[in-house]
Amino acid sequence: MSTMALARVDIMAEQSGGKVGKLLSADLGTFQITAQNSAEDSYVAGGAFNTWSREKTMFISVRLHYALR
């Protein structure tokens, strides 16, 4: 897990009075590839068929479920 994600999980657990336990499950959500630094590409059209740019940006959402102690 990235340092940023771990920091967020720790903050949420601390706010609820608990500590992060073991990882129970992980799910992959939206996976989108667009032209790098492009505000015009969208998930529906532009990013899906962009062949003019070799540089790409990936957006991947991951849902992690942890036990609390």
PDB file of N, CA and C in Angstrom:
ATOM      1  N   MET A   1       0.846  -1.160   0.000  1.00  0.00           N
ATOM      2  CA  MET A   1       0.000   0.000   0.000  1.00  0.00           C
ATOM      3  C   MET A   1       0.895   1.226   0.000  1.00  0.00           C
ATOM      4  N   SER A   2       0.442   2.271  -0.688  1.00  0.00           N
ATOM      5  CA  SER A   2       1.240   3.487  -0.738  1.00  0.00           C
ATOM      6  C   SER A   2       1.259   4.171   0.621  1.00  0.00           C
ATOM      7  N   THR A   3       2.252   4.991   0.828  1.00  0.00           N
ATOM      8  CA  THR A   3       2.394   5.724   2.085  1.00  0.00           C
ATOM      9  C   THR A   3       1.204   6.650   2.300  1.00  0.00           C
ATOM     10  N   MET A   4       0.731   7.302   1.229  1.00  0.00           N
ATOM     11  CA  MET A   4      -0.398   8.211   1.344  1.00  0.00           C
ATOM     12  C   MET A   4      -1.667   7.458   1.743  1.00  0.00           C
ATOM     13  N   ALA A   5      -1.912   6.319   1.135  1.00  0.00           N
ATOM     14  CA  ALA A   5      -3.099   5.528   1.470  1.00  0.00           C
ATOM     15  C   ALA A   5      -3.031   5.039   2.918  1.00  0.00           C
ATOM     16  N   LEU A   6      -1.886   4.593   3.345  1.00  0.00           N
ATOM     17  CA  LEU A   6      -1.722   4.123   4.721  1.00  0.00           C
ATOM     18  C   LEU A   6      -1.951   5.259   5.710  1.00  0.00           C
ATOM     19  N   ALA A   7      -1.466   6.441   5.394  1.00  0.00           N
ATOM     20  CA  ALA A   7      -1.671   7.595   6.272  1.00  0.00           C
ATOM     21  C   ALA A   7      -3.157   7.911   6.402  1.00  0.00           C
ATOM     22  N   ARG A   8      -3.900   7.827   5.311  1.00  0.00           N
ATOM     23  CA  ARG A   8      -5.341   8.102   5.353  1.00  0.00           C
ATOM     24  C   ARG A   8      -6.080   7.051   6.177  1.00  0.00           C
ATOM     25  N   VAL A   9      -5.732   5.805   5.988  1.00  0.00           N
ATOM     26  CA  VAL A   9      -6.371   4.727   6.757  1.00  0.00           C
ATOM     27  C   VAL A   9      -6.077   4.897   8.242  1.00  0.00           C
ATOM     28  N   ASP A  10      -4.843   5.217   8.577  1.00  0.00           N
ATOM     29  CA  ASP A  10      -4.467   5.429   9.981  1.00  0.00           C
ATOM     30  C   ASP A  10      -5.260   6.571  10.602  1.00  0.00           C
ATOM     31  N   ILE A  11      -5.441   7.671   9.869  1.00  0.00           N
ATOM     32  CA  ILE A  11      -6.198   8.815  10.374  1.00  0.00           C
ATOM     33  C   ILE A  11      -7.653   8.421  10.627  1.00  0.00           C
ATOM     34  N   MET A  12      -8.256   7.716   9.693  1.00  0.00           N
ATOM     35  CA  MET A  12      -9.651   7.297   9.865  1.00  0.00           C
ATOM     36  C   MET A  12      -9.805   6.358  11.054  1.00  0.00           C
ATOM     37  N   ALA A  13      -8.886   5.434  11.195  1.00  0.00           N
ATOM     38  CA  ALA A  13      -8.950   4.495  12.316  1.00  0.00           C
ATOM     39  C   ALA A  13      -8.780   5.234  13.640  1.00  0.00           C
ATOM     40  N   GLU A  14      -7.832   6.154  13.675  1.00  0.00           N
ATOM     41  CA  GLU A  14      -7.579   6.917  14.897  1.00  0.00           C
ATOM     42  C   GLU A  14      -8.809   7.736  15.296  1.00  0.00           C
ATOM     43  N   GLN A  15      -9.481   8.329  14.309  1.00  0.00           N
ATOM     44  CA  GLN A  15     -10.677   9.133  14.583  1.00  0.00           C
ATOM     45  C   GLN A  15     -11.823   8.290  15.157  1.00  0.00           C
ATOM     46  N   SER A  16     -11.827   7.016  14.842  1.00  0.00           N
ATOM     47  CA  SER A  16     -12.878   6.133  15.362  1.00  0.00           C
ATOM     48  C   SER A  16     -12.443   5.429  16.649  1.00  0.00           C
ATOM     49  N   GLY A  17     -11.241   5.749  17.123  1.00  0.00           N
ATOM     50  CA  GLY A  17     -10.747   5.157  18.359  1.00  0.00           C
ATOM     51  C   GLY A  17     -10.153   3.779  18.187  1.00  0.00           C
ATOM     52  N   GLY A  18      -9.801   3.421  16.976  1.00  0.00           N
ATOM     53  CA  GLY A  18      -9.248   2.094  16.726  1.00  0.00           C
ATOM     54  C   GLY A  18      -7.872   2.144  16.095  1.00  0.00           C
ATOM     55  N   LYS A  19      -7.407   0.988  15.693  1.00  0.00           N
ATOM     56  CA  LYS A  19      -6.144   0.848  14.971  1.00  0.00           C
ATOM     57  C   LYS A  19      -6.394  -0.047  13.775  1.00  0.00           C
ATOM     58  N   VAL A  20      -5.591   0.157  12.743  1.00  0.00           N
ATOM     59  CA  VAL A  20      -5.734  -0.621  11.521  1.00  0.00           C
ATOM     60  C   VAL A  20      -5.308  -2.061  11.769  1.00  0.00           C
ATOM     61  N   GLY A  21      -6.168  -2.993  11.382  1.00  0.00           N
ATOM     62  CA  GLY A  21      -5.864  -4.411  11.490  1.00  0.00           C
ATOM     63  C   GLY A  21      -5.417  -4.960  10.149  1.00  0.00           C
ATOM     64  N   LYS A  22      -5.697  -6.226   9.917  1.00  0.00           N
ATOM     65  CA  LYS A  22      -5.248  -6.843   8.669  1.00  0.00           C
ATOM     66  C   LYS A  22      -6.164  -6.495   7.505  1.00  0.00           C
ATOM     67  N   LEU A  23      -5.615  -6.576   6.311  1.00  0.00           N
ATOM     68  CA  LEU A  23      -6.365  -6.330   5.087  1.00  0.00           C
ATOM     69  C   LEU A  23      -7.325  -7.496   4.874  1.00  0.00           C
ATOM     70  N   LEU A  24      -8.617  -7.197   4.752  1.00  0.00           N
ATOM     71  CA  LEU A  24      -9.623  -8.244   4.572  1.00  0.00           C
ATOM     72  C   LEU A  24      -9.890  -8.535   3.104  1.00  0.00           C
ATOM     73  N   SER A  25      -9.941  -7.474   2.278  1.00  0.00           N
ATOM     74  CA  SER A  25     -10.160  -7.668   0.847  1.00  0.00           C
ATOM     75  C   SER A  25      -9.766  -6.418   0.084  1.00  0.00           C
ATOM     76  N   ALA A  26      -9.585  -6.573  -1.213  1.00  0.00           N
ATOM     77  CA  ALA A  26      -9.258  -5.447  -2.088  1.00  0.00           C
ATOM     78  C   ALA A  26     -10.005  -5.644  -3.400  1.00  0.00           C
ATOM     79  N   ASP A  27     -10.603  -4.558  -3.903  1.00  0.00           N
ATOM     80  CA  ASP A  27     -11.362  -4.607  -5.154  1.00  0.00           C
ATOM     81  C   ASP A  27     -10.851  -3.528  -6.094  1.00  0.00           C
ATOM     82  N   LEU A  28     -10.696  -3.875  -7.360  1.00  0.00           N
ATOM     83  CA  LEU A  28     -10.298  -2.917  -8.383  1.00  0.00           C
ATOM     84  C   LEU A  28     -11.553  -2.295  -8.963  1.00  0.00           C
ATOM     85  N   GLY A  29     -11.586  -0.966  -9.026  1.00  0.00           N
ATOM     86  CA  GLY A  29     -12.750  -0.253  -9.558  1.00  0.00           C
ATOM     87  C   GLY A  29     -12.458   0.286 -10.935  1.00  0.00           C
ATOM     88  N   THR A  30     -12.724   1.563 -11.129  1.00  0.00           N
ATOM     89  CA  THR A  30     -12.558   2.221 -12.422  1.00  0.00           C
ATOM     90  C   THR A  30     -11.096   2.220 -12.846  1.00  0.00           C
ATOM     91  N   PHE A  31     -10.870   1.914 -14.098  1.00  0.00           N
ATOM     92  CA  PHE A  31      -9.535   1.912 -14.688  1.00  0.00           C
ATOM     93  C   PHE A  31      -9.639   2.756 -15.942  1.00  0.00           C
ATOM     94  N   GLN A  32      -8.984   3.911 -15.966  1.00  0.00           N
ATOM     95  CA  GLN A  32      -9.100   4.839 -17.086  1.00  0.00           C
ATOM     96  C   GLN A  32      -7.729   5.287 -17.541  1.00  0.00           C
ATOM     97  N   ILE A  33      -7.514   5.300 -18.858  1.00  0.00           N
ATOM     98  CA  ILE A  33      -6.260   5.767 -19.429  1.00  0.00           C
ATOM     99  C   ILE A  33      -6.592   6.945 -20.342  1.00  0.00           C
ATOM    100  N   THR A  34      -5.936   8.088 -20.108  1.00  0.00           N
ATOM    101  CA  THR A  34      -6.157   9.272 -20.926  1.00  0.00           C
ATOM    102  C   THR A  34      -4.821   9.845 -21.354  1.00  0.00           C
ATOM    103  N   ALA A  35      -4.874  10.800 -22.281  1.00  0.00           N
ATOM    104  CA  ALA A  35      -3.655  11.490 -22.686  1.00  0.00           C
ATOM    105  C   ALA A  35      -3.106  12.242 -21.482  1.00  0.00           C
ATOM    106  N   GLN A  36      -1.802  12.275 -21.339  1.00  0.00           N
ATOM    107  CA  GLN A  36      -1.177  12.911 -20.184  1.00  0.00           C
ATOM    108  C   GLN A  36      -1.537  14.395 -20.115  1.00  0.00           C
ATOM    109  N   ASN A  37      -1.905  14.854 -18.910  1.00  0.00           N
ATOM    110  CA  ASN A  37      -2.250  16.247 -18.639  1.00  0.00           C
ATOM    111  C   ASN A  37      -3.396  16.754 -19.500  1.00  0.00           C
ATOM    112  N   SER A  38      -4.299  15.898 -19.894  1.00  0.00           N
ATOM    113  CA  SER A  38      -5.401  16.299 -20.748  1.00  0.00           C
ATOM    114  C   SER A  38      -6.673  16.464 -19.944  1.00  0.00           C
ATOM    115  N   ALA A  39      -7.239  17.660 -19.989  1.00  0.00           N
ATOM    116  CA  ALA A  39      -8.519  17.913 -19.326  1.00  0.00           C
ATOM    117  C   ALA A  39      -9.673  17.617 -20.282  1.00  0.00           C
ATOM    118  N   GLU A  40      -9.377  17.398 -21.540  1.00  0.00           N
ATOM    119  CA  GLU A  40     -10.420  17.208 -22.542  1.00  0.00           C
ATOM    120  C   GLU A  40     -10.853  15.761 -22.675  1.00  0.00           C
ATOM    121  N   ASP A  41      -9.952  14.814 -22.413  1.00  0.00           N
ATOM    122  CA  ASP A  41     -10.309  13.409 -22.544  1.00  0.00           C
ATOM    123  C   ASP A  41     -11.311  13.030 -21.465  1.00  0.00           C
ATOM    124  N   SER A  42     -12.257  12.241 -21.839  1.00  0.00           N
ATOM    125  CA  SER A  42     -13.229  11.760 -20.859  1.00  0.00           C
ATOM    126  C   SER A  42     -13.258  10.245 -20.896  1.00  0.00           C
ATOM    127  N   TYR A  43     -13.808   9.661 -19.869  1.00  0.00           N
ATOM    128  CA  TYR A  43     -13.885   8.211 -19.785  1.00  0.00           C
ATOM    129  C   TYR A  43     -14.713   7.635 -20.925  1.00  0.00           C
ATOM    130  N   VAL A  44     -15.731   8.346 -21.326  1.00  0.00           N
ATOM    131  CA  VAL A  44     -16.667   7.842 -22.318  1.00  0.00           C
ATOM    132  C   VAL A  44     -16.077   7.835 -23.716  1.00  0.00           C
ATOM    133  N   ALA A  45     -15.381   8.905 -24.111  1.00  0.00           N
ATOM    134  CA  ALA A  45     -14.982   8.994 -25.507  1.00  0.00           C
ATOM    135  C   ALA A  45     -13.494   9.210 -25.699  1.00  0.00           C
ATOM    136  N   GLY A  46     -13.026  10.438 -25.451  1.00  0.00           N
ATOM    137  CA  GLY A  46     -11.672  10.831 -25.826  1.00  0.00           C
ATOM    138  C   GLY A  46     -10.573   9.933 -25.323  1.00  0.00           C
ATOM    139  N   GLY A  47     -10.589   9.588 -24.051  1.00  0.00           N
ATOM    140  CA  GLY A  47      -9.517   8.784 -23.486  1.00  0.00           C
ATOM    141  C   GLY A  47      -9.495   7.363 -23.994  1.00  0.00           C
ATOM    142  N   ALA A  48     -10.655   6.842 -24.360  1.00  0.00           N
ATOM    143  CA  ALA A  48     -10.743   5.456 -24.793  1.00  0.00           C
ATOM    144  C   ALA A  48     -10.136   5.229 -26.173  1.00  0.00           C
ATOM    145  N   PHE A  49     -10.145   6.259 -27.013  1.00  0.00           N
ATOM    146  CA  PHE A  49      -9.695   6.073 -28.393  1.00  0.00           C
ATOM    147  C   PHE A  49      -8.536   6.987 -28.781  1.00  0.00           C
ATOM    148  N   ASN A  50      -7.846   7.516 -27.803  1.00  0.00           N
ATOM    149  CA  ASN A  50      -6.746   8.428 -28.063  1.00  0.00           C
ATOM    150  C   ASN A  50      -5.535   7.641 -28.554  1.00  0.00           C
ATOM    151  N   THR A  51      -5.161   7.859 -29.815  1.00  0.00           N
ATOM    152  CA  THR A  51      -3.990   7.175 -30.373  1.00  0.00           C
ATOM    153  C   THR A  51      -2.895   8.157 -30.775  1.00  0.00           C
ATOM    154  N   TRP A  52      -3.137   9.460 -30.635  1.00  0.00           N
ATOM    155  CA  TRP A  52      -2.162  10.456 -31.081  1.00  0.00           C
ATOM    156  C   TRP A  52      -1.092  10.736 -30.051  1.00  0.00           C
ATOM    157  N   SER A  53      -1.324  10.412 -28.794  1.00  0.00           N
ATOM    158  CA  SER A  53      -0.356  10.713 -27.751  1.00  0.00           C
ATOM    159  C   SER A  53       0.233   9.431 -27.177  1.00  0.00           C
ATOM    160  N   ARG A  54       1.560   9.378 -27.099  1.00  0.00           N
ATOM    161  CA  ARG A  54       2.200   8.203 -26.517  1.00  0.00           C
ATOM    162  C   ARG A  54       2.248   8.289 -24.996  1.00  0.00           C
ATOM    163  N   GLU A  55       2.246   9.506 -24.461  1.00  0.00           N
ATOM    164  CA  GLU A  55       2.282   9.720 -23.013  1.00  0.00           C
ATOM    165  C   GLU A  55       0.860   9.622 -22.470  1.00  0.00           C
ATOM    166  N   LYS A  56       0.655   8.781 -21.479  1.00  0.00           N
ATOM    167  CA  LYS A  56      -0.682   8.549 -20.930  1.00  0.00           C
ATOM    168  C   LYS A  56      -0.694   8.742 -19.417  1.00  0.00           C
ATOM    169  N   THR A  57      -1.866   9.020 -18.886  1.00  0.00           N
ATOM    170  CA  THR A  57      -2.095   9.093 -17.451  1.00  0.00           C
ATOM    171  C   THR A  57      -3.119   8.029 -17.105  1.00  0.00           C
ATOM    172  N   MET A  58      -2.863   7.267 -16.060  1.00  0.00           N
ATOM    173  CA  MET A  58      -3.797   6.219 -15.642  1.00  0.00           C
ATOM    174  C   MET A  58      -4.447   6.617 -14.330  1.00  0.00           C
ATOM    175  N   PHE A  59      -5.753   6.403 -14.255  1.00  0.00           N
ATOM    176  CA  PHE A  59      -6.503   6.598 -13.031  1.00  0.00           C
ATOM    177  C   PHE A  59      -7.094   5.253 -12.656  1.00  0.00           C
ATOM    178  N   ILE A  60      -6.752   4.764 -11.486  1.00  0.00           N
ATOM    179  CA  ILE A  60      -7.231   3.458 -11.042  1.00  0.00           C
ATOM    180  C   ILE A  60      -7.786   3.624  -9.633  1.00  0.00           C
ATOM    181  N   SER A  61      -9.019   3.190  -9.433  1.00  0.00           N
ATOM    182  CA  SER A  61      -9.567   3.246  -8.078  1.00  0.00           C
ATOM    183  C   SER A  61      -9.511   1.851  -7.469  1.00  0.00           C
ATOM    184  N   VAL A  62      -9.049   1.801  -6.241  1.00  0.00           N
ATOM    185  CA  VAL A  62      -8.938   0.535  -5.515  1.00  0.00           C
ATOM    186  C   VAL A  62      -9.647   0.695  -4.177  1.00  0.00           C
ATOM    187  N   ARG A  63     -10.484  -0.262  -3.839  1.00  0.00           N
ATOM    188  CA  ARG A  63     -11.188  -0.238  -2.551  1.00  0.00           C
ATOM    189  C   ARG A  63     -10.536  -1.296  -1.663  1.00  0.00           C
ATOM    190  N   LEU A  64     -10.042  -0.850  -0.500  1.00  0.00           N
ATOM    191  CA  LEU A  64      -9.400  -1.747   0.456  1.00  0.00           C
ATOM    192  C   LEU A  64     -10.262  -1.844   1.698  1.00  0.00           C
ATOM    193  N   HIS A  65     -10.464  -3.045   2.188  1.00  0.00           N
ATOM    194  CA  HIS A  65     -11.256  -3.282   3.400  1.00  0.00           C
ATOM    195  C   HIS A  65     -10.335  -3.824   4.473  1.00  0.00           C
ATOM    196  N   TYR A  66     -10.216  -3.072   5.573  1.00  0.00           N
ATOM    197  CA  TYR A  66      -9.350  -3.459   6.687  1.00  0.00           C
ATOM    198  C   TYR A  66     -10.175  -3.784   7.921  1.00  0.00           C
ATOM    199  N   ALA A  67      -9.649  -4.643   8.735  1.00  0.00           N
ATOM    200  CA  ALA A  67     -10.237  -4.889  10.062  1.00  0.00           C
ATOM    201  C   ALA A  67      -9.744  -3.787  10.979  1.00  0.00           C
ATOM    202  N   LEU A  68     -10.572  -3.403  11.944  1.00  0.00           N
ATOM    203  CA  LEU A  68     -10.164  -2.436  12.966  1.00  0.00           C
ATOM    204  C   LEU A  68      -9.934  -3.164  14.269  1.00  0.00           C
ATOM    205  N   ARG A  69      -8.909  -2.726  15.011  1.00  0.00           N
ATOM    206  CA  ARG A  69      -8.645  -3.308  16.328  1.00  0.00           C
ATOM    207  C   ARG A  69      -8.971  -2.297  17.399  1.00  0.00           C
TER     208      ARG A  69
END
